[in-house]
PDB file of N, CA and C in Angstrom:
ATOM      1  N   MET A   1     -31.585  -1.529  16.729  1.00  0.00           N
ATOM      2  CA  MET A   1     -30.598  -0.601  16.133  1.00  0.00           C
ATOM      3  C   MET A   1     -30.966   0.158  14.950  1.00  0.00           C
ATOM      4  N   ASP A   2     -30.563   1.088  14.916  1.00  0.00           N
ATOM      5  CA  ASP A   2     -30.615   1.833  13.642  1.00  0.00           C
ATOM      6  C   ASP A   2     -29.471   2.284  12.881  1.00  0.00           C
ATOM      7  N   ILE A   3     -29.406   1.223  12.325  1.00  0.00           N
ATOM      8  CA  ILE A   3     -27.572   1.295  11.286  1.00  0.00           C
ATOM      9  C   ILE A   3     -27.860   2.019  10.284  1.00  0.00           C
ATOM     10  N   ARG A   4     -26.940   3.034   9.908  1.00  0.00           N
ATOM     11  CA  ARG A   4     -26.902   3.618   8.780  1.00  0.00           C
ATOM     12  C   ARG A   4     -25.994   3.173   7.763  1.00  0.00           C
ATOM     13  N   SER A   5     -26.280   3.133   6.693  1.00  0.00           N
ATOM     14  CA  SER A   5     -25.338   2.736   5.858  1.00  0.00           C
ATOM     15  C   SER A   5     -24.886   4.279   4.591  1.00  0.00           C
ATOM     16  N   THR A   6     -23.461   4.409   4.368  1.00  0.00           N
ATOM     17  CA  THR A   6     -23.150   5.361   3.834  1.00  0.00           C
ATOM     18  C   THR A   6     -22.126   4.486   2.587  1.00  0.00           C
ATOM     19  N   GLU A   7     -22.293   5.114   1.534  1.00  0.00           N
ATOM     20  CA  GLU A   7     -21.116   5.049   0.363  1.00  0.00           C
ATOM     21  C   GLU A   7     -20.639   6.073  -0.468  1.00  0.00           C
ATOM     22  N   ASP A   8     -19.291   6.182  -0.747  1.00  0.00           N
ATOM     23  CA  ASP A   8     -19.008   7.300  -1.253  1.00  0.00           C
ATOM     24  C   ASP A   8     -17.956   6.618  -2.238  1.00  0.00           C
ATOM     25  N   GLY A   9     -17.978   6.736  -3.425  1.00  0.00           N
ATOM     26  CA  GLY A   9     -17.330   6.114  -4.456  1.00  0.00           C
ATOM     27  C   GLY A   9     -16.994   4.440  -4.285  1.00  0.00           C
ATOM     28  N   SER A  10     -15.747   4.021  -3.666  1.00  0.00           N
ATOM     29  CA  SER A  10     -15.507   2.798  -3.648  1.00  0.00           C
ATOM     30  C   SER A  10     -15.477   2.507  -1.911  1.00  0.00           C
ATOM     31  N   HIS A  11     -15.747   3.258  -1.215  1.00  0.00           N
ATOM     32  CA  HIS A  11     -15.529   3.270   0.493  1.00  0.00           C
ATOM     33  C   HIS A  11     -17.017   3.474   0.734  1.00  0.00           C
ATOM     34  N   GLY A  12     -17.246   2.628   1.699  1.00  0.00           N
ATOM     35  CA  GLY A  12     -18.424   2.448   2.373  1.00  0.00           C
ATOM     36  C   GLY A  12     -18.469   2.329   3.950  1.00  0.00           C
ATOM     37  N   ARG A  13     -19.697   2.709   4.653  1.00  0.00           N
ATOM     38  CA  ARG A  13     -19.579   2.450   6.061  1.00  0.00           C
ATOM     39  C   ARG A  13     -20.868   2.266   6.761  1.00  0.00           C
ATOM     40  N   TYR A  14     -20.841   1.362   7.512  1.00  0.00           N
ATOM     41  CA  TYR A  14     -22.256   1.215   8.275  1.00  0.00           C
ATOM     42  C   TYR A  14     -21.751   1.568   9.643  1.00  0.00           C
ATOM     43  N   SER A  15     -22.768   2.481  10.149  1.00  0.00           N
ATOM     44  CA  SER A  15     -22.422   3.063  11.320  1.00  0.00           C
ATOM     45  C   SER A  15     -23.700   2.968  12.316  1.00  0.00           C
ATOM     46  N   VAL A  16     -23.837   3.010  13.617  1.00  0.00           N
ATOM     47  CA  VAL A  16     -24.732   3.231  14.439  1.00  0.00           C
ATOM     48  C   VAL A  16     -24.385   3.945  15.824  1.00  0.00           C
ATOM     49  N   THR A  17     -25.485   4.914  16.537  1.00  0.00           N
ATOM     50  CA  THR A  17     -24.941   5.357  17.620  1.00  0.00           C
ATOM     51  C   THR A  17     -25.787   4.933  18.706  1.00  0.00           C
ATOM     52  N   VAL A  18     -25.393   4.713  19.804  1.00  0.00           N
ATOM     53  CA  VAL A  18     -26.029   3.795  20.664  1.00  0.00           C
ATOM     54  C   VAL A  18     -25.576   4.835  22.089  1.00  0.00           C
ATOM     55  N   ASP A  19     -26.426   5.379  22.845  1.00  0.00           N
ATOM     56  CA  ASP A  19     -26.289   6.102  24.317  1.00  0.00           C
ATOM     57  C   ASP A  19     -25.123   7.223  23.759  1.00  0.00           C
ATOM     58  N   GLY A  20     -25.214   8.167  22.781  1.00  0.00           N
ATOM     59  CA  GLY A  20     -24.017   9.014  22.333  1.00  0.00           C
ATOM     60  C   GLY A  20     -22.701   8.318  21.995  1.00  0.00           C
ATOM     61  N   HIS A  21     -22.526   7.062  21.962  1.00  0.00           N
ATOM     62  CA  HIS A  21     -21.449   6.572  21.343  1.00  0.00           C
ATOM     63  C   HIS A  21     -21.781   5.987  19.912  1.00  0.00           C
ATOM     64  N   GLU A  22     -20.333   6.220  18.894  1.00  0.00           N
ATOM     65  CA  GLU A  22     -20.506   5.720  17.511  1.00  0.00           C
ATOM     66  C   GLU A  22     -19.720   4.553  17.289  1.00  0.00           C
ATOM     67  N   ALA A  23     -20.470   3.239  16.705  1.00  0.00           N
ATOM     68  CA  ALA A  23     -19.476   2.471  16.354  1.00  0.00           C
ATOM     69  C   ALA A  23     -19.905   2.219  14.789  1.00  0.00           C
ATOM     70  N   GLU A  24     -18.540   1.676  14.202  1.00  0.00           N
ATOM     71  CA  GLU A  24     -18.591   1.601  12.727  1.00  0.00           C
ATOM     72  C   GLU A  24     -17.967   0.304  12.185  1.00  0.00           C
ATOM     73  N   MET A  25     -18.364   0.216  11.026  1.00  0.00           N
ATOM     74  CA  MET A  25     -17.343  -0.909  10.182  1.00  0.00           C
ATOM     75  C   MET A  25     -17.408  -0.593   8.992  1.00  0.00           C
ATOM     76  N   THR A  26     -16.081  -0.608   8.300  1.00  0.00           N
ATOM     77  CA  THR A  26     -15.673   0.200   7.106  1.00  0.00           C
ATOM     78  C   THR A  26     -15.723  -0.984   6.137  1.00  0.00           C
ATOM     79  N   TYR A  27     -15.905  -0.680   4.628  1.00  0.00           N
ATOM     80  CA  TYR A  27     -15.468  -1.593   3.570  1.00  0.00           C
ATOM     81  C   TYR A  27     -15.130  -0.653   2.453  1.00  0.00           C
ATOM     82  N   SER A  28     -14.473  -1.441   1.615  1.00  0.00           N
ATOM     83  CA  SER A  28     -14.298  -0.860   0.320  1.00  0.00           C
ATOM     84  C   SER A  28     -14.989  -1.920  -0.893  1.00  0.00           C
ATOM     85  N   ARG A  29     -15.296  -0.997  -1.754  1.00  0.00           N
ATOM     86  CA  ARG A  29     -16.175  -1.986  -2.759  1.00  0.00           C
ATOM     87  C   ARG A  29     -14.992  -2.329  -3.869  1.00  0.00           C
ATOM     88  N   ALA A  30     -14.672  -3.848  -4.089  1.00  0.00           N
ATOM     89  CA  ALA A  30     -13.631  -4.331  -4.697  1.00  0.00           C
ATOM     90  C   ALA A  30     -13.974  -4.360  -6.260  1.00  0.00           C
ATOM     91  N   SER A  31     -15.506  -4.281  -6.548  1.00  0.00           N
ATOM     92  CA  SER A  31     -15.996  -4.946  -7.628  1.00  0.00           C
ATOM     93  C   SER A  31     -17.759  -4.508  -7.470  1.00  0.00           C
ATOM     94  N   ALA A  32     -18.524  -4.643  -8.313  1.00  0.00           N
ATOM     95  CA  ALA A  32     -20.280  -4.751  -8.084  1.00  0.00           C
ATOM     96  C   ALA A  32     -20.563  -5.818  -7.330  1.00  0.00           C
ATOM     97  N   LYS A  33     -19.983  -6.993  -7.402  1.00  0.00           N
ATOM     98  CA  LYS A  33     -20.157  -7.987  -6.764  1.00  0.00           C
ATOM     99  C   LYS A  33     -19.419  -8.224  -5.451  1.00  0.00           C
ATOM    100  N   LEU A  34     -18.548  -7.537  -5.108  1.00  0.00           N
ATOM    101  CA  LEU A  34     -17.690  -8.020  -3.836  1.00  0.00           C
ATOM    102  C   LEU A  34     -17.142  -6.479  -2.951  1.00  0.00           C
ATOM    103  N   ILE A  35     -17.540  -6.768  -1.490  1.00  0.00           N
ATOM    104  CA  ILE A  35     -16.718  -5.779  -0.786  1.00  0.00           C
ATOM    105  C   ILE A  35     -15.821  -6.328   0.067  1.00  0.00           C
ATOM    106  N   ILE A  36     -14.838  -5.541   0.537  1.00  0.00           N
ATOM    107  CA  ILE A  36     -13.832  -6.149   1.484  1.00  0.00           C
ATOM    108  C   ILE A  36     -13.722  -5.200   2.765  1.00  0.00           C
ATOM    109  N   ILE A  37     -14.454  -5.738   4.123  1.00  0.00           N
ATOM    110  CA  ILE A  37     -14.551  -5.556   5.111  1.00  0.00           C
ATOM    111  C   ILE A  37     -13.372  -4.981   5.826  1.00  0.00           C
ATOM    112  N   ASP A  38     -13.020  -4.218   5.910  1.00  0.00           N
ATOM    113  CA  ASP A  38     -11.485  -3.806   6.671  1.00  0.00           C
ATOM    114  C   ASP A  38     -11.409  -3.244   7.840  1.00  0.00           C
ATOM    115  N   HIS A  39     -12.512  -2.861   8.859  1.00  0.00           N
ATOM    116  CA  HIS A  39     -12.466  -2.496   9.774  1.00  0.00           C
ATOM    117  C   HIS A  39     -13.501  -2.134  10.739  1.00  0.00           C
ATOM    118  N   THR A  40     -13.754  -2.733  12.001  1.00  0.00           N
ATOM    119  CA  THR A  40     -14.807  -2.582  13.010  1.00  0.00           C
ATOM    120  C   THR A  40     -14.209  -1.936  13.952  1.00  0.00           C
ATOM    121  N   GLY A  41     -15.000  -0.899  14.538  1.00  0.00           N
ATOM    122  CA  GLY A  41     -14.556   0.037  15.697  1.00  0.00           C
ATOM    123  C   GLY A  41     -15.831   0.397  16.629  1.00  0.00           C
ATOM    124  N   VAL A  42     -15.609  -0.157  17.611  1.00  0.00           N
ATOM    125  CA  VAL A  42     -17.030  -0.202  18.739  1.00  0.00           C
ATOM    126  C   VAL A  42     -16.017   0.675  19.900  1.00  0.00           C
ATOM    127  N   PRO A  43     -16.370   1.458  20.391  1.00  0.00           N
ATOM    128  CA  PRO A  43     -15.943   2.396  21.706  1.00  0.00           C
ATOM    129  C   PRO A  43     -16.165   1.526  22.560  1.00  0.00           C
ATOM    130  N   ASP A  44     -15.105   1.535  23.616  1.00  0.00           N
ATOM    131  CA  ASP A  44     -15.399   0.421  25.023  1.00  0.00           C
ATOM    132  C   ASP A  44     -16.369   1.025  25.567  1.00  0.00           C
ATOM    133  N   ALA A  45     -17.314   2.026  25.593  1.00  0.00           N
ATOM    134  CA  ALA A  45     -18.267   2.277  26.505  1.00  0.00           C
ATOM    135  C   ALA A  45     -19.463   1.104  25.811  1.00  0.00           C
ATOM    136  N   LEU A  46     -19.405   0.790  24.621  1.00  0.00           N
ATOM    137  CA  LEU A  46     -20.448   0.017  23.951  1.00  0.00           C
ATOM    138  C   LEU A  46     -20.218  -1.718  23.917  1.00  0.00           C
ATOM    139  N   ARG A  47     -18.901  -2.005  24.312  1.00  0.00           N
ATOM    140  CA  ARG A  47     -18.259  -3.217  24.398  1.00  0.00           C
ATOM    141  C   ARG A  47     -19.123  -4.189  25.009  1.00  0.00           C
ATOM    142  N   GLY A  48     -19.296  -5.477  24.603  1.00  0.00           N
ATOM    143  CA  GLY A  48     -20.219  -6.215  25.021  1.00  0.00           C
ATOM    144  C   GLY A  48     -21.872  -6.081  25.187  1.00  0.00           C
ATOM    145  N   ARG A  49     -22.040  -5.403  24.353  1.00  0.00           N
ATOM    146  CA  ARG A  49     -23.459  -4.979  23.847  1.00  0.00           C
ATOM    147  C   ARG A  49     -24.122  -5.415  22.622  1.00  0.00           C
ATOM    148  N   GLY A  50     -23.309  -6.112  21.991  1.00  0.00           N
ATOM    149  CA  GLY A  50     -23.603  -6.677  20.524  1.00  0.00           C
ATOM    150  C   GLY A  50     -23.894  -6.003  19.743  1.00  0.00           C
ATOM    151  N   VAL A  51     -23.018  -4.452  19.712  1.00  0.00           N
ATOM    152  CA  VAL A  51     -23.154  -3.502  18.759  1.00  0.00           C
ATOM    153  C   VAL A  51     -22.171  -4.244  17.690  1.00  0.00           C
ATOM    154  N   GLY A  52     -21.042  -4.724  17.646  1.00  0.00           N
ATOM    155  CA  GLY A  52     -20.313  -5.210  16.625  1.00  0.00           C
ATOM    156  C   GLY A  52     -21.046  -6.088  15.873  1.00  0.00           C
ATOM    157  N   GLN A  53     -21.942  -7.138  16.482  1.00  0.00           N
ATOM    158  CA  GLN A  53     -22.230  -8.324  15.724  1.00  0.00           C
ATOM    159  C   GLN A  53     -23.539  -7.748  15.169  1.00  0.00           C
ATOM    160  N   ALA A  54     -24.277  -6.705  15.767  1.00  0.00           N
ATOM    161  CA  ALA A  54     -25.205  -6.093  15.100  1.00  0.00           C
ATOM    162  C   ALA A  54     -24.949  -5.354  13.628  1.00  0.00           C
ATOM    163  N   LEU A  55     -23.649  -4.828  13.691  1.00  0.00           N
ATOM    164  CA  LEU A  55     -23.007  -4.394  12.342  1.00  0.00           C
ATOM    165  C   LEU A  55     -22.609  -5.424  11.422  1.00  0.00           C
ATOM    166  N   ALA A  56     -22.239  -6.405  11.998  1.00  0.00           N
ATOM    167  CA  ALA A  56     -21.412  -7.619  11.350  1.00  0.00           C
ATOM    168  C   ALA A  56     -23.152  -8.431  10.594  1.00  0.00           C
ATOM    169  N   ILE A  57     -23.923  -8.674  11.145  1.00  0.00           N
ATOM    170  CA  ILE A  57     -25.243  -8.775  10.732  1.00  0.00           C
ATOM    171  C   ILE A  57     -25.892  -8.253   9.735  1.00  0.00           C
ATOM    172  N   HIS A  58     -25.977  -6.932   9.711  1.00  0.00           N
ATOM    173  CA  HIS A  58     -26.339  -5.924   8.720  1.00  0.00           C
ATOM    174  C   HIS A  58     -25.629  -6.075   7.469  1.00  0.00           C
ATOM    175  N   ALA A  59     -24.086  -6.185   7.409  1.00  0.00           N
ATOM    176  CA  ALA A  59     -23.478  -6.485   6.630  1.00  0.00           C
ATOM    177  C   ALA A  59     -23.595  -7.701   5.676  1.00  0.00           C
ATOM    178  N   VAL A  60     -23.976  -8.964   6.622  1.00  0.00           N
ATOM    179  CA  VAL A  60     -24.486 -10.034   5.913  1.00  0.00           C
ATOM    180  C   VAL A  60     -26.046  -9.640   5.182  1.00  0.00           C
ATOM    181  N   ASP A  61     -26.890  -9.068   6.106  1.00  0.00           N
ATOM    182  CA  ASP A  61     -28.183  -8.818   5.000  1.00  0.00           C
ATOM    183  C   ASP A  61     -27.917  -7.970   3.931  1.00  0.00           C
ATOM    184  N   GLN A  62     -26.997  -7.042   3.963  1.00  0.00           N
ATOM    185  CA  GLN A  62     -27.007  -6.309   2.963  1.00  0.00           C
ATOM    186  C   GLN A  62     -26.346  -7.148   1.212  1.00  0.00           C
ATOM    187  N   ALA A  63     -25.388  -7.635   2.077  1.00  0.00           N
ATOM    188  CA  ALA A  63     -24.764  -8.603   1.134  1.00  0.00           C
ATOM    189  C   ALA A  63     -25.682  -9.645   0.048  1.00  0.00           C
ATOM    190  N   ARG A  64     -26.550 -10.160   1.040  1.00  0.00           N
ATOM    191  CA  ARG A  64     -27.557 -10.998   0.733  1.00  0.00           C
ATOM    192  C   ARG A  64     -28.630 -10.495  -0.548  1.00  0.00           C
ATOM    193  N   SER A  65     -29.108  -9.200   0.051  1.00  0.00           N
ATOM    194  CA  SER A  65     -30.028  -8.313  -0.700  1.00  0.00           C
ATOM    195  C   SER A  65     -29.510  -7.680  -2.026  1.00  0.00           C
ATOM    196  N   GLY A  66     -28.399  -7.704  -1.711  1.00  0.00           N
ATOM    197  CA  GLY A  66     -27.565  -6.716  -3.068  1.00  0.00           C
ATOM    198  C   GLY A  66     -27.063  -7.988  -4.004  1.00  0.00           C
ATOM    199  N   GLY A  67     -26.842  -9.186  -3.421  1.00  0.00           N
ATOM    200  CA  GLY A  67     -26.354 -10.472  -4.488  1.00  0.00           C
ATOM    201  C   GLY A  67     -24.659  -9.796  -4.747  1.00  0.00           C
ATOM    202  N   TRP A  68     -23.818  -9.718  -3.566  1.00  0.00           N
ATOM    203  CA  TRP A  68     -22.312  -9.526  -3.605  1.00  0.00           C
ATOM    204  C   TRP A  68     -22.082 -10.260  -2.449  1.00  0.00           C
ATOM    205  N   LYS A  69     -20.651 -10.751  -2.377  1.00  0.00           N
ATOM    206  CA  LYS A  69     -19.740 -11.386  -1.546  1.00  0.00           C
ATOM    207  C   LYS A  69     -19.082 -10.370  -0.608  1.00  0.00           C
ATOM    208  N   ILE A  70     -18.389 -10.857   0.515  1.00  0.00           N
ATOM    209  CA  ILE A  70     -17.844 -10.056   1.501  1.00  0.00           C
ATOM    210  C   ILE A  70     -16.609 -10.833   1.532  1.00  0.00           C
ATOM    211  N   MET A  71     -15.391 -10.101   1.544  1.00  0.00           N
ATOM    212  CA  MET A  71     -14.232 -10.727   1.976  1.00  0.00           C
ATOM    213  C   MET A  71     -13.885 -10.058   3.352  1.00  0.00           C
ATOM    214  N   PRO A  72     -13.728 -11.085   4.360  1.00  0.00           N
ATOM    215  CA  PRO A  72     -13.338 -10.090   5.610  1.00  0.00           C
ATOM    216  C   PRO A  72     -12.139  -9.785   5.777  1.00  0.00           C
ATOM    217  N   LEU A  73     -11.207  -8.989   5.939  1.00  0.00           N
ATOM    218  CA  LEU A  73      -9.885  -8.362   6.336  1.00  0.00           C
ATOM    219  C   LEU A  73     -10.084  -7.981   7.707  1.00  0.00           C
ATOM    220  N   CYS A  74     -11.043  -7.982   8.012  1.00  0.00           N
ATOM    221  CA  CYS A  74     -11.168  -7.080   9.528  1.00  0.00           C
ATOM    222  C   CYS A  74     -11.152  -8.127  10.310  1.00  0.00           C
ATOM    223  N   PRO A  75      -9.893  -8.551  11.341  1.00  0.00           N
ATOM    224  CA  PRO A  75     -10.248  -9.593  12.237  1.00  0.00           C
ATOM    225  C   PRO A  75     -11.254  -9.889  13.035  1.00  0.00           C
ATOM    226  N   PHE A  76     -11.952  -8.822  13.714  1.00  0.00           N
ATOM    227  CA  PHE A  76     -13.548  -8.926  13.896  1.00  0.00           C
ATOM    228  C   PHE A  76     -14.645  -9.289  13.036  1.00  0.00           C
ATOM    229  N   PHE A  77     -14.708  -9.069  12.269  1.00  0.00           N
ATOM    230  CA  PHE A  77     -15.479  -9.519  11.216  1.00  0.00           C
ATOM    231  C   PHE A  77     -15.221 -11.207  10.417  1.00  0.00           C
ATOM    232  N   ARG A  78     -13.655 -11.089  10.781  1.00  0.00           N
ATOM    233  CA  ARG A  78     -13.395 -12.784  10.004  1.00  0.00           C
ATOM    234  C   ARG A  78     -13.638 -13.469  11.067  1.00  0.00           C
ATOM    235  N   ALA A  79     -13.361 -13.333  12.438  1.00  0.00           N
ATOM    236  CA  ALA A  79     -13.768 -14.006  13.796  1.00  0.00           C
ATOM    237  C   ALA A  79     -15.557 -14.451  13.841  1.00  0.00           C
ATOM    238  N   GLN A  80     -16.448 -13.292  13.479  1.00  0.00           N
ATOM    239  CA  GLN A  80     -17.593 -13.712  13.559  1.00  0.00           C
ATOM    240  C   GLN A  80     -18.113 -14.454  12.412  1.00  0.00           C
ATOM    241  N   ALA A  81     -17.731 -14.340  11.500  1.00  0.00           N
ATOM    242  CA  ALA A  81     -17.906 -15.416   9.827  1.00  0.00           C
ATOM    243  C   ALA A  81     -17.783 -16.780  10.401  1.00  0.00           C
ATOM    244  N   MET A  82     -16.092 -16.656  10.977  1.00  0.00           N
ATOM    245  CA  MET A  82     -15.889 -18.199  11.378  1.00  0.00           C
ATOM    246  C   MET A  82     -17.058 -19.019  12.178  1.00  0.00           C
ATOM    247  N   ARG A  83     -17.774 -17.828  13.185  1.00  0.00           N
ATOM    248  CA  ARG A  83     -18.598 -18.605  14.070  1.00  0.00           C
ATOM    249  C   ARG A  83     -20.135 -18.661  13.518  1.00  0.00           C
ATOM    250  N   HIS A  84     -19.773 -18.177  12.334  1.00  0.00           N
ATOM    251  CA  HIS A  84     -21.505 -18.308  11.906  1.00  0.00           C
ATOM    252  C   HIS A  84     -21.505 -19.158  10.118  1.00  0.00           C
ATOM    253  N   PRO A  85     -21.334 -20.321  10.317  1.00  0.00           N
ATOM    254  CA  PRO A  85     -21.108 -21.385   8.967  1.00  0.00           C
ATOM    255  C   PRO A  85     -22.311 -20.895   8.025  1.00  0.00           C
ATOM    256  N   GLU A  86     -23.605 -20.308   8.597  1.00  0.00           N
ATOM    257  CA  GLU A  86     -24.749 -19.924   7.944  1.00  0.00           C
ATOM    258  C   GLU A  86     -24.231 -18.667   6.914  1.00  0.00           C
ATOM    259  N   TRP A  87     -23.288 -17.911   7.186  1.00  0.00           N
ATOM    260  CA  TRP A  87     -22.973 -16.791   6.396  1.00  0.00           C
ATOM    261  C   TRP A  87     -22.064 -17.257   5.351  1.00  0.00           C
ATOM    262  N   THR A  88     -21.881 -18.328   4.975  1.00  0.00           N
ATOM    263  CA  THR A  88     -20.887 -18.928   3.809  1.00  0.00           C
ATOM    264  C   THR A  88     -21.511 -18.658   2.450  1.00  0.00           C
ATOM    265  N   ASP A  89     -22.573 -18.483   2.603  1.00  0.00           N
ATOM    266  CA  ASP A  89     -23.374 -17.932   1.019  1.00  0.00           C
ATOM    267  C   ASP A  89     -22.751 -16.522   0.787  1.00  0.00           C
ATOM    268  N   VAL A  90     -22.504 -16.022   1.392  1.00  0.00           N
ATOM    269  CA  VAL A  90     -22.006 -14.219   1.356  1.00  0.00           C
ATOM    270  C   VAL A  90     -20.679 -13.907   1.669  1.00  0.00           C
ATOM    271  N   VAL A  91     -20.008 -14.904   2.333  1.00  0.00           N
ATOM    272  CA  VAL A  91     -18.505 -14.784   3.167  1.00  0.00           C
ATOM    273  C   VAL A  91     -17.560 -15.415   2.271  1.00  0.00           C
ATOM    274  N   ASN A  92     -16.646 -14.882   1.942  1.00  0.00           N
ATOM    275  CA  ASN A  92     -15.525 -15.694   1.096  1.00  0.00           C
ATOM    276  C   ASN A  92     -14.399 -15.796   2.258  1.00  0.00           C
ATOM    277  N   LEU A  93     -14.243 -16.875   2.818  1.00  0.00           N
ATOM    278  CA  LEU A  93     -13.151 -16.885   4.364  1.00  0.00           C
ATOM    279  C   LEU A  93     -11.758 -17.738   3.480  1.00  0.00           C
TER     280      LEU A  93
END
């Protein structure tokens, strides 16, 4: 999947388009070393296809490469983080 990253000031977004449907994960940058993931939206047409999971993995990879931490306010991302203990290096539960 070709996940796009955009950031405007303190607000950011990861997005991907699959079969004409766009999914997104949004965040706010609390500081240079912390982002708060606040929303994941996946259209019904894409549910069950791993799109949300791909966005979550992308966020974790970006945090690792950027040297920052993630605070998950989004229920989906929080649930994913609880299933992936290997993310504890970047996710603050």
